[in-house]
Amino acid sequence: MTDPLESQRAKDPTAFSRKVGAKAARKLKAQRNPTPGVWFGLGMMGLIGWSVVVPTLLGAALGLWLDRNYPGGRSWTLALLVAGLVLGCFNAWRWVAKEEQAMQKEQEDDDE
């Protein structure tokens, strides 16, 4: 039986050396930067959730205060609750987009 690696080494030893070097470099980088685990993902979901919940609750609280102290024909609670929700969703979207850009940049750096 012939070993496929032996035949590859015999054909082009420099190409084989480059492949081994690239694999070793990838392995060292993976050891330096371990992949995030389940807890990291759950933490990120919590962070994104709170970035939506906090502005929504602050808007509702401010709206309740305005409705109690300055009663009128409009519901400040509903308006500020929706405004807080929109602001929170925009904040979460911006944060996720920033993280995605960072991941893409890191992937491009890995491919080089």
C-alpha atoms as a PDB file:
ATOM      1  CA  MET A   1       0.000   0.000   0.000  1.00  0.00           C
ATOM      2  CA  THR A   2       1.187   3.453  -0.798  1.00  0.00           C
ATOM      3  CA  ASP A   3       0.558   6.356   1.492  1.00  0.00           C
ATOM      4  CA  PRO A   4      -1.087   9.306  -0.326  1.00  0.00           C
ATOM      5  CA  LEU A   5       1.043  11.727   1.687  1.00  0.00           C
ATOM      6  CA  GLU A   6       4.211   9.980   0.525  1.00  0.00           C
ATOM      7  CA  SER A   7       3.222  10.360  -3.118  1.00  0.00           C
ATOM      8  CA  GLN A   8       2.350  14.035  -2.558  1.00  0.00           C
ATOM      9  CA  ARG A   9       5.675  14.704  -0.829  1.00  0.00           C
ATOM     10  CA  ALA A  10       7.528  12.999  -3.643  1.00  0.00           C
ATOM     11  CA  LYS A  11       5.777  15.149  -6.299  1.00  0.00           C
ATOM     12  CA  ASP A  12       6.234  18.598  -4.756  1.00  0.00           C
ATOM     13  CA  PRO A  13       7.928  18.862  -1.360  1.00  0.00           C
ATOM     14  CA  THR A  14       7.560  22.666  -1.142  1.00  0.00           C
ATOM     15  CA  ALA A  15       3.781  22.561  -1.700  1.00  0.00           C
ATOM     16  CA  PHE A  16       3.499  19.914   0.994  1.00  0.00           C
ATOM     17  CA  SER A  17       5.567  22.053   3.368  1.00  0.00           C
ATOM     18  CA  ARG A  18       3.309  25.054   2.713  1.00  0.00           C
ATOM     19  CA  LYS A  19       0.186  22.996   3.429  1.00  0.00           C
ATOM     20  CA  VAL A  20       1.667  21.682   6.671  1.00  0.00           C
ATOM     21  CA  GLY A  21       2.714  25.215   7.652  1.00  0.00           C
ATOM     22  CA  ALA A  22      -0.757  26.601   6.913  1.00  0.00           C
ATOM     23  CA  LYS A  23      -2.419  23.853   8.960  1.00  0.00           C
ATOM     24  CA  ALA A  24      -0.055  24.464  11.853  1.00  0.00           C
ATOM     25  CA  ALA A  25      -0.737  28.206  11.728  1.00  0.00           C
ATOM     26  CA  ARG A  26      -4.523  27.590  11.746  1.00  0.00           C
ATOM     27  CA  LYS A  27      -4.185  25.232  14.678  1.00  0.00           C
ATOM     28  CA  LEU A  28      -2.117  27.722  16.681  1.00  0.00           C
ATOM     29  CA  LYS A  29      -4.594  30.515  15.952  1.00  0.00           C
ATOM     30  CA  ALA A  30      -7.502  28.284  17.002  1.00  0.00           C
ATOM     31  CA  GLN A  31      -5.716  27.542  20.273  1.00  0.00           C
ATOM     32  CA  ARG A  32      -5.114  31.260  20.913  1.00  0.00           C
ATOM     33  CA  ASN A  33      -8.703  32.271  20.013  1.00  0.00           C
ATOM     34  CA  PRO A  34     -11.076  29.550  21.191  1.00  0.00           C
ATOM     35  CA  THR A  35     -14.563  29.526  19.719  1.00  0.00           C
ATOM     36  CA  PRO A  36     -17.231  30.999  21.961  1.00  0.00           C
ATOM     37  CA  GLY A  37     -19.356  28.465  23.779  1.00  0.00           C
ATOM     38  CA  VAL A  38     -23.016  28.140  24.591  1.00  0.00           C
ATOM     39  CA  TRP A  39     -22.795  30.480  27.557  1.00  0.00           C
ATOM     40  CA  PHE A  40     -21.312  33.188  25.349  1.00  0.00           C
ATOM     41  CA  GLY A  41     -24.253  32.878  22.949  1.00  0.00           C
ATOM     42  CA  LEU A  42     -26.780  32.994  25.773  1.00  0.00           C
ATOM     43  CA  GLY A  43     -25.051  36.043  27.195  1.00  0.00           C
ATOM     44  CA  MET A  44     -25.231  37.792  23.827  1.00  0.00           C
ATOM     45  CA  MET A  45     -28.949  37.024  23.535  1.00  0.00           C
ATOM     46  CA  GLY A  46     -29.458  38.466  27.006  1.00  0.00           C
ATOM     47  CA  LEU A  47     -27.472  41.567  26.141  1.00  0.00           C
ATOM     48  CA  ILE A  48     -29.511  42.156  22.989  1.00  0.00           C
ATOM     49  CA  GLY A  49     -32.739  41.540  24.907  1.00  0.00           C
ATOM     50  CA  TRP A  50     -31.851  44.043  27.585  1.00  0.00           C
ATOM     51  CA  SER A  51     -30.859  46.615  24.977  1.00  0.00           C
ATOM     52  CA  VAL A  52     -34.479  46.477  23.757  1.00  0.00           C
ATOM     53  CA  VAL A  53     -36.228  46.113  27.130  1.00  0.00           C
ATOM     54  CA  VAL A  54     -34.553  48.984  28.988  1.00  0.00           C
ATOM     55  CA  PRO A  55     -35.495  51.806  26.563  1.00  0.00           C
ATOM     56  CA  THR A  56     -39.015  50.368  26.254  1.00  0.00           C
ATOM     57  CA  LEU A  57     -39.546  50.333  30.018  1.00  0.00           C
ATOM     58  CA  LEU A  58     -38.014  53.787  30.431  1.00  0.00           C
ATOM     59  CA  GLY A  59     -40.350  55.136  27.746  1.00  0.00           C
ATOM     60  CA  ALA A  60     -43.368  53.534  29.426  1.00  0.00           C
ATOM     61  CA  ALA A  61     -42.342  54.893  32.849  1.00  0.00           C
ATOM     62  CA  LEU A  62     -41.864  58.392  31.488  1.00  0.00           C
ATOM     63  CA  GLY A  63     -45.201  58.139  29.696  1.00  0.00           C
ATOM     64  CA  LEU A  64     -46.988  57.062  32.882  1.00  0.00           C
ATOM     65  CA  TRP A  65     -45.443  59.968  34.765  1.00  0.00           C
ATOM     66  CA  LEU A  66     -46.492  62.423  32.045  1.00  0.00           C
ATOM     67  CA  ASP A  67     -50.031  61.013  31.927  1.00  0.00           C
ATOM     68  CA  ARG A  68     -50.375  61.344  35.715  1.00  0.00           C
ATOM     69  CA  ASN A  69     -48.913  64.849  35.977  1.00  0.00           C
ATOM     70  CA  TYR A  70     -50.175  66.334  32.697  1.00  0.00           C
ATOM     71  CA  PRO A  71     -53.416  64.600  31.740  1.00  0.00           C
ATOM     72  CA  GLY A  72     -54.613  65.264  28.233  1.00  0.00           C
ATOM     73  CA  GLY A  73     -56.366  63.757  25.257  1.00  0.00           C
ATOM     74  CA  ARG A  74     -53.340  61.723  24.164  1.00  0.00           C
ATOM     75  CA  SER A  75     -51.730  58.769  25.852  1.00  0.00           C
ATOM     76  CA  TRP A  76     -48.094  59.569  26.523  1.00  0.00           C
ATOM     77  CA  THR A  77     -47.612  56.067  27.888  1.00  0.00           C
ATOM     78  CA  LEU A  78     -48.440  54.367  24.610  1.00  0.00           C
ATOM     79  CA  ALA A  79     -46.513  56.868  22.491  1.00  0.00           C
ATOM     80  CA  LEU A  80     -43.351  56.698  24.593  1.00  0.00           C
ATOM     81  CA  LEU A  81     -43.595  52.915  24.958  1.00  0.00           C
ATOM     82  CA  VAL A  82     -43.564  52.578  21.161  1.00  0.00           C
ATOM     83  CA  ALA A  83     -40.774  55.178  20.881  1.00  0.00           C
ATOM     84  CA  GLY A  84     -38.693  53.266  23.444  1.00  0.00           C
ATOM     85  CA  LEU A  85     -39.321  49.993  21.611  1.00  0.00           C
ATOM     86  CA  VAL A  86     -38.225  51.505  18.294  1.00  0.00           C
ATOM     87  CA  LEU A  87     -35.140  53.021  19.897  1.00  0.00           C
ATOM     88  CA  GLY A  88     -34.262  49.718  21.583  1.00  0.00           C
ATOM     89  CA  CYS A  89     -34.698  47.722  18.362  1.00  0.00           C
ATOM     90  CA  PHE A  90     -32.533  50.210  16.472  1.00  0.00           C
ATOM     91  CA  ASN A  91     -29.876  49.971  19.182  1.00  0.00           C
ATOM     92  CA  ALA A  92     -29.904  46.158  19.066  1.00  0.00           C
ATOM     93  CA  TRP A  93     -29.784  46.137  15.256  1.00  0.00           C
ATOM     94  CA  ARG A  94     -26.809  48.519  15.241  1.00  0.00           C
ATOM     95  CA  TRP A  95     -24.965  46.416  17.820  1.00  0.00           C
ATOM     96  CA  VAL A  96     -25.591  43.155  15.924  1.00  0.00           C
ATOM     97  CA  ALA A  97     -24.452  44.762  12.640  1.00  0.00           C
ATOM     98  CA  LYS A  98     -21.254  45.958  14.322  1.00  0.00           C
ATOM     99  CA  GLU A  99     -20.553  42.475  15.695  1.00  0.00           C
ATOM    100  CA  GLU A 100     -21.242  40.915  12.294  1.00  0.00           C
ATOM    101  CA  GLN A 101     -18.776  43.298  10.640  1.00  0.00           C
ATOM    102  CA  ALA A 102     -16.149  42.373  13.218  1.00  0.00           C
ATOM    103  CA  MET A 103     -16.725  38.660  12.576  1.00  0.00           C
ATOM    104  CA  GLN A 104     -16.490  39.152   8.799  1.00  0.00           C
ATOM    105  CA  LYS A 105     -13.275  41.141   9.170  1.00  0.00           C
ATOM    106  CA  GLU A 106     -11.803  38.413  11.353  1.00  0.00           C
ATOM    107  CA  GLN A 107     -12.842  35.773   8.790  1.00  0.00           C
ATOM    108  CA  GLU A 108     -11.205  37.773   5.984  1.00  0.00           C
ATOM    109  CA  ASP A 109      -8.037  38.076   8.042  1.00  0.00           C
ATOM    110  CA  ASP A 110      -8.075  34.307   8.539  1.00  0.00           C
ATOM    111  CA  ASP A 111      -8.420  33.697   4.804  1.00  0.00           C
ATOM    112  CA  GLU A 112      -5.343  35.749   3.954  1.00  0.00           C
END
